[in-house]
């Protein structure tokens, strides 16, 4: 019997070692922006948003949303997000990302050159302007444009971000359909926090997505 117990103990020990090896050496979790609340919570948020037509672009300028502010040392907001959302990111003395891997959740593409990556404002600056930010102070717009606390900034494929422009979800959604729920949750979470409005078509689209999550 002693031999049986010894063999069992050895087997258990080997399994434990194997599991430990898998945990320690398995692939790292993909970095990402702050996780938005679940769909049920976000549906409540959406119901609390004011529904009205977007205002005009009169007076708009990206300069009115000072972005890529210094976060620490020589690191600005863009470089912080590149570091956060990438894997094995190396930065030079000026905090610029010189090496790393980025998986764009909008389209599923993977990139190894930071020049292929844009930092997307989930709720675009011009969209925010038309939804209430035109009445904000410059300091409020700067906080919005550099918000690392909410799911407002994300590293994505540059050409996908450029295709999005300043469109809302009724006009544009990420090409990767599996990301629709996350994107809608992010969008509404940001608009809710900043008390921005939604237009009727935008609310209808977001309601349909969130009801399917």
C-alpha atoms as a PDB file:
ATOM      1  CA  UNK A   1       0.000   0.000   0.000  1.00  0.00           C
ATOM      2  CA  UNK A   2       2.887   2.339   0.783  1.00  0.00           C
ATOM      3  CA  UNK A   3       4.024   2.067  -2.839  1.00  0.00           C
ATOM      4  CA  UNK A   4       0.525   2.897  -4.116  1.00  0.00           C
ATOM      5  CA  UNK A   5       0.346   6.003  -1.926  1.00  0.00           C
ATOM      6  CA  UNK A   6       3.788   7.076  -3.079  1.00  0.00           C
ATOM      7  CA  UNK A   7       2.785   6.703  -6.713  1.00  0.00           C
ATOM      8  CA  UNK A   8      -0.432   8.671  -6.104  1.00  0.00           C
ATOM      9  CA  UNK A   9       1.488  11.411  -4.303  1.00  0.00           C
ATOM     10  CA  UNK A  10       3.966  11.598  -7.160  1.00  0.00           C
ATOM     11  CA  UNK A  11       1.135  11.812  -9.689  1.00  0.00           C
ATOM     12  CA  UNK A  12      -0.617  14.580  -7.749  1.00  0.00           C
ATOM     13  CA  UNK A  13       2.663  16.431  -7.366  1.00  0.00           C
ATOM     14  CA  UNK A  14       3.323  16.156 -11.078  1.00  0.00           C
ATOM     15  CA  UNK A  15      -0.159  17.453 -11.922  1.00  0.00           C
ATOM     16  CA  UNK A  16       0.284  20.371  -9.524  1.00  0.00           C
ATOM     17  CA  UNK A  17       3.613  21.212 -11.121  1.00  0.00           C
ATOM     18  CA  UNK A  18       2.049  21.025 -14.588  1.00  0.00           C
ATOM     19  CA  UNK A  19      -0.848  23.323 -13.622  1.00  0.00           C
ATOM     20  CA  UNK A  20       1.611  25.725 -12.017  1.00  0.00           C
ATOM     21  CA  UNK A  21       3.678  25.722 -15.174  1.00  0.00           C
ATOM     22  CA  UNK A  22       0.625  26.469 -17.317  1.00  0.00           C
ATOM     23  CA  UNK A  23      -0.419  29.319 -15.046  1.00  0.00           C
ATOM     24  CA  UNK A  24       3.039  30.846 -14.951  1.00  0.00           C
ATOM     25  CA  UNK A  25       3.992  30.292 -18.559  1.00  0.00           C
ATOM     26  CA  UNK A  26       0.623  30.627 -20.341  1.00  0.00           C
ATOM     27  CA  UNK A  27      -0.216  33.633 -22.494  1.00  0.00           C
ATOM     28  CA  UNK A  28      -0.673  36.906 -20.669  1.00  0.00           C
ATOM     29  CA  UNK A  29      -4.143  38.439 -20.591  1.00  0.00           C
ATOM     30  CA  UNK A  30      -4.626  41.099 -23.265  1.00  0.00           C
ATOM     31  CA  UNK A  31      -4.289  44.582 -21.854  1.00  0.00           C
ATOM     32  CA  UNK A  32      -7.330  46.796 -22.226  1.00  0.00           C
ATOM     33  CA  UNK A  33      -8.998  50.011 -21.137  1.00  0.00           C
ATOM     34  CA  UNK A  34     -10.966  50.097 -17.865  1.00  0.00           C
ATOM     35  CA  UNK A  35     -13.820  47.593 -18.079  1.00  0.00           C
ATOM     36  CA  UNK A  36     -17.230  49.231 -18.471  1.00  0.00           C
ATOM     37  CA  UNK A  37     -20.170  48.120 -16.315  1.00  0.00           C
ATOM     38  CA  UNK A  38     -22.289  45.158 -17.432  1.00  0.00           C
ATOM     39  CA  UNK A  39     -25.033  45.488 -20.042  1.00  0.00           C
ATOM     40  CA  UNK A  40     -27.861  45.682 -17.497  1.00  0.00           C
ATOM     41  CA  UNK A  41     -26.223  48.613 -15.731  1.00  0.00           C
ATOM     42  CA  UNK A  42     -25.434  50.333 -18.996  1.00  0.00           C
ATOM     43  CA  UNK A  43     -29.026  49.939 -20.187  1.00  0.00           C
ATOM     44  CA  UNK A  44     -30.002  51.899 -17.085  1.00  0.00           C
ATOM     45  CA  UNK A  45     -27.390  54.528 -17.929  1.00  0.00           C
ATOM     46  CA  UNK A  46     -28.756  54.815 -21.453  1.00  0.00           C
ATOM     47  CA  UNK A  47     -32.254  55.391 -20.114  1.00  0.00           C
ATOM     48  CA  UNK A  48     -30.942  58.299 -18.062  1.00  0.00           C
ATOM     49  CA  UNK A  49     -29.365  60.144 -20.999  1.00  0.00           C
ATOM     50  CA  UNK A  50     -31.124  63.138 -22.498  1.00  0.00           C
ATOM     51  CA  UNK A  51     -32.309  62.442 -26.037  1.00  0.00           C
ATOM     52  CA  UNK A  52     -32.052  65.371 -28.432  1.00  0.00           C
ATOM     53  CA  UNK A  53     -30.716  66.259 -31.851  1.00  0.00           C
ATOM     54  CA  UNK A  54     -27.020  67.024 -32.054  1.00  0.00           C
ATOM     55  CA  UNK A  55     -26.046  70.680 -32.072  1.00  0.00           C
ATOM     56  CA  UNK A  56     -23.911  72.270 -34.782  1.00  0.00           C
ATOM     57  CA  UNK A  57     -20.149  72.206 -35.199  1.00  0.00           C
ATOM     58  CA  UNK A  58     -19.987  75.993 -34.950  1.00  0.00           C
ATOM     59  CA  UNK A  59     -16.892  77.029 -33.023  1.00  0.00           C
ATOM     60  CA  UNK A  60     -15.441  73.503 -32.870  1.00  0.00           C
ATOM     61  CA  UNK A  61     -11.695  72.920 -32.925  1.00  0.00           C
ATOM     62  CA  UNK A  62      -9.631  69.998 -31.684  1.00  0.00           C
ATOM     63  CA  UNK A  63      -7.471  72.621 -29.994  1.00  0.00           C
ATOM     64  CA  UNK A  64     -10.382  73.236 -27.639  1.00  0.00           C
ATOM     65  CA  UNK A  65      -9.838  69.679 -26.334  1.00  0.00           C
ATOM     66  CA  UNK A  66      -6.159  69.780 -25.293  1.00  0.00           C
ATOM     67  CA  UNK A  67      -5.113  66.156 -25.662  1.00  0.00           C
ATOM     68  CA  UNK A  68      -2.087  63.966 -25.094  1.00  0.00           C
ATOM     69  CA  UNK A  69      -1.331  65.825 -21.894  1.00  0.00           C
ATOM     70  CA  UNK A  70       1.764  64.931 -19.887  1.00  0.00           C
ATOM     71  CA  UNK A  71       0.940  62.194 -17.387  1.00  0.00           C
ATOM     72  CA  UNK A  72       4.327  61.765 -15.719  1.00  0.00           C
ATOM     73  CA  UNK A  73       7.899  62.651 -16.677  1.00  0.00           C
ATOM     74  CA  UNK A  74       8.017  62.698 -20.478  1.00  0.00           C
ATOM     75  CA  UNK A  75       5.071  60.319 -20.869  1.00  0.00           C
ATOM     76  CA  UNK A  76       1.951  61.785 -22.423  1.00  0.00           C
ATOM     77  CA  UNK A  77      -1.499  60.223 -22.582  1.00  0.00           C
ATOM     78  CA  UNK A  78      -0.888  58.543 -25.946  1.00  0.00           C
ATOM     79  CA  UNK A  79       2.243  56.786 -24.717  1.00  0.00           C
ATOM     80  CA  UNK A  80       0.521  55.696 -21.507  1.00  0.00           C
ATOM     81  CA  UNK A  81      -2.275  54.064 -23.524  1.00  0.00           C
ATOM     82  CA  UNK A  82       0.191  52.423 -25.917  1.00  0.00           C
ATOM     83  CA  UNK A  83       1.992  50.919 -22.922  1.00  0.00           C
ATOM     84  CA  UNK A  84      -1.254  49.873 -21.228  1.00  0.00           C
ATOM     85  CA  UNK A  85      -2.925  48.315 -24.266  1.00  0.00           C
ATOM     86  CA  UNK A  86       0.138  46.588 -25.708  1.00  0.00           C
ATOM     87  CA  UNK A  87       2.135  43.519 -24.785  1.00  0.00           C
ATOM     88  CA  UNK A  88       5.887  43.586 -24.074  1.00  0.00           C
ATOM     89  CA  UNK A  89       6.095  47.283 -24.851  1.00  0.00           C
ATOM     90  CA  UNK A  90       9.519  48.902 -24.630  1.00  0.00           C
ATOM     91  CA  UNK A  91       9.824  52.686 -24.425  1.00  0.00           C
ATOM     92  CA  UNK A  92      12.803  54.913 -25.093  1.00  0.00           C
ATOM     93  CA  UNK A  93      14.143  57.650 -22.841  1.00  0.00           C
ATOM     94  CA  UNK A  94      11.440  60.007 -24.117  1.00  0.00           C
ATOM     95  CA  UNK A  95       8.692  57.448 -23.365  1.00  0.00           C
ATOM     96  CA  UNK A  96       8.008  56.706 -27.043  1.00  0.00           C
ATOM     97  CA  UNK A  97       7.020  53.094 -27.727  1.00  0.00           C
ATOM     98  CA  UNK A  98       9.815  51.522 -29.778  1.00  0.00           C
ATOM     99  CA  UNK A  99       8.801  47.879 -29.487  1.00  0.00           C
ATOM    100  CA  UNK A 100       5.700  45.909 -28.634  1.00  0.00           C
ATOM    101  CA  UNK A 101       2.640  44.084 -29.924  1.00  0.00           C
ATOM    102  CA  UNK A 102      -0.831  45.595 -30.145  1.00  0.00           C
ATOM    103  CA  UNK A 103      -4.044  43.673 -30.831  1.00  0.00           C
ATOM    104  CA  UNK A 104      -6.730  46.036 -32.121  1.00  0.00           C
ATOM    105  CA  UNK A 105     -10.095  44.987 -30.635  1.00  0.00           C
ATOM    106  CA  UNK A 106     -12.024  46.876 -33.313  1.00  0.00           C
ATOM    107  CA  UNK A 107     -10.858  44.653 -36.173  1.00  0.00           C
ATOM    108  CA  UNK A 108      -8.800  41.856 -34.619  1.00  0.00           C
ATOM    109  CA  UNK A 109      -5.589  42.937 -36.368  1.00  0.00           C
ATOM    110  CA  UNK A 110      -2.212  42.631 -34.630  1.00  0.00           C
ATOM    111  CA  UNK A 111       0.570  45.179 -35.087  1.00  0.00           C
ATOM    112  CA  UNK A 112       4.191  45.428 -33.986  1.00  0.00           C
ATOM    113  CA  UNK A 113       4.823  49.038 -35.039  1.00  0.00           C
ATOM    114  CA  UNK A 114       3.301  51.776 -32.878  1.00  0.00           C
ATOM    115  CA  UNK A 115       2.993  53.922 -36.012  1.00  0.00           C
ATOM    116  CA  UNK A 116       0.194  51.585 -37.164  1.00  0.00           C
ATOM    117  CA  UNK A 117      -1.778  52.357 -34.005  1.00  0.00           C
ATOM    118  CA  UNK A 118      -4.082  55.263 -33.252  1.00  0.00           C
ATOM    119  CA  UNK A 119      -5.428  56.080 -29.817  1.00  0.00           C
ATOM    120  CA  UNK A 120      -9.157  56.343 -30.367  1.00  0.00           C
ATOM    121  CA  UNK A 121     -11.426  58.556 -28.311  1.00  0.00           C
ATOM    122  CA  UNK A 122     -14.337  56.128 -27.991  1.00  0.00           C
ATOM    123  CA  UNK A 123     -16.692  59.117 -27.889  1.00  0.00           C
ATOM    124  CA  UNK A 124     -14.970  61.357 -30.458  1.00  0.00           C
ATOM    125  CA  UNK A 125     -14.126  64.932 -29.578  1.00  0.00           C
ATOM    126  CA  UNK A 126     -16.355  66.390 -32.292  1.00  0.00           C
ATOM    127  CA  UNK A 127     -19.181  64.071 -31.238  1.00  0.00           C
ATOM    128  CA  UNK A 128     -18.820  65.286 -27.662  1.00  0.00           C
ATOM    129  CA  UNK A 129     -18.888  68.887 -28.889  1.00  0.00           C
ATOM    130  CA  UNK A 130     -22.235  68.285 -30.618  1.00  0.00           C
ATOM    131  CA  UNK A 131     -23.563  66.464 -27.546  1.00  0.00           C
ATOM    132  CA  UNK A 132     -22.919  69.098 -24.903  1.00  0.00           C
ATOM    133  CA  UNK A 133     -19.180  69.680 -24.611  1.00  0.00           C
ATOM    134  CA  UNK A 134     -19.432  72.973 -26.480  1.00  0.00           C
ATOM    135  CA  UNK A 135     -20.658  74.440 -23.183  1.00  0.00           C
ATOM    136  CA  UNK A 136     -17.741  73.070 -21.150  1.00  0.00           C
ATOM    137  CA  UNK A 137     -14.654  74.892 -19.977  1.00  0.00           C
ATOM    138  CA  UNK A 138     -11.327  74.107 -21.630  1.00  0.00           C
ATOM    139  CA  UNK A 139     -10.265  72.295 -18.454  1.00  0.00           C
ATOM    140  CA  UNK A 140     -13.319  70.033 -18.652  1.00  0.00           C
ATOM    141  CA  UNK A 141     -12.641  69.273 -22.299  1.00  0.00           C
ATOM    142  CA  UNK A 142      -9.009  68.502 -21.505  1.00  0.00           C
ATOM    143  CA  UNK A 143     -10.060  66.047 -18.786  1.00  0.00           C
ATOM    144  CA  UNK A 144     -12.396  64.348 -21.267  1.00  0.00           C
ATOM    145  CA  UNK A 145      -9.750  64.109 -23.980  1.00  0.00           C
ATOM    146  CA  UNK A 146      -7.195  62.515 -21.615  1.00  0.00           C
ATOM    147  CA  UNK A 147      -9.491  60.349 -19.481  1.00  0.00           C
ATOM    148  CA  UNK A 148      -7.650  57.192 -18.402  1.00  0.00           C
ATOM    149  CA  UNK A 149     -10.161  56.329 -15.678  1.00  0.00           C
ATOM    150  CA  UNK A 150     -13.134  55.577 -17.895  1.00  0.00           C
ATOM    151  CA  UNK A 151     -13.182  53.440 -21.087  1.00  0.00           C
ATOM    152  CA  UNK A 152     -12.671  56.463 -23.340  1.00  0.00           C
ATOM    153  CA  UNK A 153      -9.209  55.789 -24.813  1.00  0.00           C
ATOM    154  CA  UNK A 154      -8.166  52.646 -26.659  1.00  0.00           C
ATOM    155  CA  UNK A 155      -5.331  51.600 -28.998  1.00  0.00           C
ATOM    156  CA  UNK A 156      -6.679  50.478 -32.377  1.00  0.00           C
ATOM    157  CA  UNK A 157      -5.648  50.085 -36.011  1.00  0.00           C
ATOM    158  CA  UNK A 158      -5.052  53.563 -37.437  1.00  0.00           C
ATOM    159  CA  UNK A 159      -7.063  53.152 -40.639  1.00  0.00           C
ATOM    160  CA  UNK A 160     -10.028  51.761 -38.704  1.00  0.00           C
ATOM    161  CA  UNK A 161      -9.980  54.767 -36.410  1.00  0.00           C
ATOM    162  CA  UNK A 162      -9.791  57.054 -39.422  1.00  0.00           C
ATOM    163  CA  UNK A 163     -12.820  55.322 -40.972  1.00  0.00           C
ATOM    164  CA  UNK A 164     -14.728  55.919 -37.748  1.00  0.00           C
ATOM    165  CA  UNK A 165     -13.973  59.642 -37.691  1.00  0.00           C
ATOM    166  CA  UNK A 166     -16.491  61.396 -35.452  1.00  0.00           C
ATOM    167  CA  UNK A 167     -19.396  59.032 -36.177  1.00  0.00           C
ATOM    168  CA  UNK A 168     -21.738  57.735 -33.486  1.00  0.00           C
ATOM    169  CA  UNK A 169     -22.845  54.059 -33.243  1.00  0.00           C
ATOM    170  CA  UNK A 170     -25.836  54.655 -35.543  1.00  0.00           C
ATOM    171  CA  UNK A 171     -23.323  55.603 -38.237  1.00  0.00           C
ATOM    172  CA  UNK A 172     -20.348  53.352 -37.450  1.00  0.00           C
ATOM    173  CA  UNK A 173     -19.548  50.269 -35.391  1.00  0.00           C
ATOM    174  CA  UNK A 174     -16.281  48.319 -35.065  1.00  0.00           C
ATOM    175  CA  UNK A 175     -15.840  45.840 -37.962  1.00  0.00           C
ATOM    176  CA  UNK A 176     -15.441  42.983 -35.465  1.00  0.00           C
ATOM    177  CA  UNK A 177     -19.040  42.146 -34.551  1.00  0.00           C
ATOM    178  CA  UNK A 178     -17.994  40.304 -31.409  1.00  0.00           C
ATOM    179  CA  UNK A 179     -16.849  43.630 -29.957  1.00  0.00           C
ATOM    180  CA  UNK A 180     -20.224  45.352 -30.413  1.00  0.00           C
ATOM    181  CA  UNK A 181     -21.465  44.836 -26.858  1.00  0.00           C
ATOM    182  CA  UNK A 182     -18.231  46.036 -25.296  1.00  0.00           C
ATOM    183  CA  UNK A 183     -18.113  49.064 -27.577  1.00  0.00           C
ATOM    184  CA  UNK A 184     -21.717  50.025 -26.790  1.00  0.00           C
ATOM    185  CA  UNK A 185     -21.078  49.634 -23.058  1.00  0.00           C
ATOM    186  CA  UNK A 186     -17.978  51.822 -23.333  1.00  0.00           C
ATOM    187  CA  UNK A 187     -19.768  54.486 -25.359  1.00  0.00           C
ATOM    188  CA  UNK A 188     -22.752  54.796 -23.021  1.00  0.00           C
ATOM    189  CA  UNK A 189     -20.572  54.688 -19.898  1.00  0.00           C
ATOM    190  CA  UNK A 190     -18.564  57.663 -21.134  1.00  0.00           C
ATOM    191  CA  UNK A 191     -21.594  59.651 -22.260  1.00  0.00           C
ATOM    192  CA  UNK A 192     -23.351  58.947 -18.960  1.00  0.00           C
ATOM    193  CA  UNK A 193     -20.397  60.047 -16.860  1.00  0.00           C
ATOM    194  CA  UNK A 194     -20.019  63.301 -18.785  1.00  0.00           C
ATOM    195  CA  UNK A 195     -23.794  63.858 -19.065  1.00  0.00           C
ATOM    196  CA  UNK A 196     -23.645  64.106 -22.839  1.00  0.00           C
ATOM    197  CA  UNK A 197     -26.787  63.752 -24.932  1.00  0.00           C
ATOM    198  CA  UNK A 198     -27.734  61.079 -27.479  1.00  0.00           C
ATOM    199  CA  UNK A 199     -29.731  61.636 -30.633  1.00  0.00           C
ATOM    200  CA  UNK A 200     -32.746  59.421 -31.436  1.00  0.00           C
ATOM    201  CA  UNK A 201     -30.992  57.225 -34.022  1.00  0.00           C
ATOM    202  CA  UNK A 202     -28.003  56.782 -31.728  1.00  0.00           C
ATOM    203  CA  UNK A 203     -30.216  55.692 -28.822  1.00  0.00           C
ATOM    204  CA  UNK A 204     -32.151  53.260 -31.004  1.00  0.00           C
ATOM    205  CA  UNK A 205     -28.931  51.641 -32.214  1.00  0.00           C
ATOM    206  CA  UNK A 206     -27.440  51.400 -28.730  1.00  0.00           C
ATOM    207  CA  UNK A 207     -30.678  49.989 -27.311  1.00  0.00           C
ATOM    208  CA  UNK A 208     -30.717  47.251 -29.929  1.00  0.00           C
ATOM    209  CA  UNK A 209     -27.104  46.290 -29.264  1.00  0.00           C
ATOM    210  CA  UNK A 210     -27.427  46.305 -25.469  1.00  0.00           C
ATOM    211  CA  UNK A 211     -30.645  44.289 -25.546  1.00  0.00           C
ATOM    212  CA  UNK A 212     -28.714  41.572 -27.348  1.00  0.00           C
ATOM    213  CA  UNK A 213     -25.811  41.495 -24.893  1.00  0.00           C
END
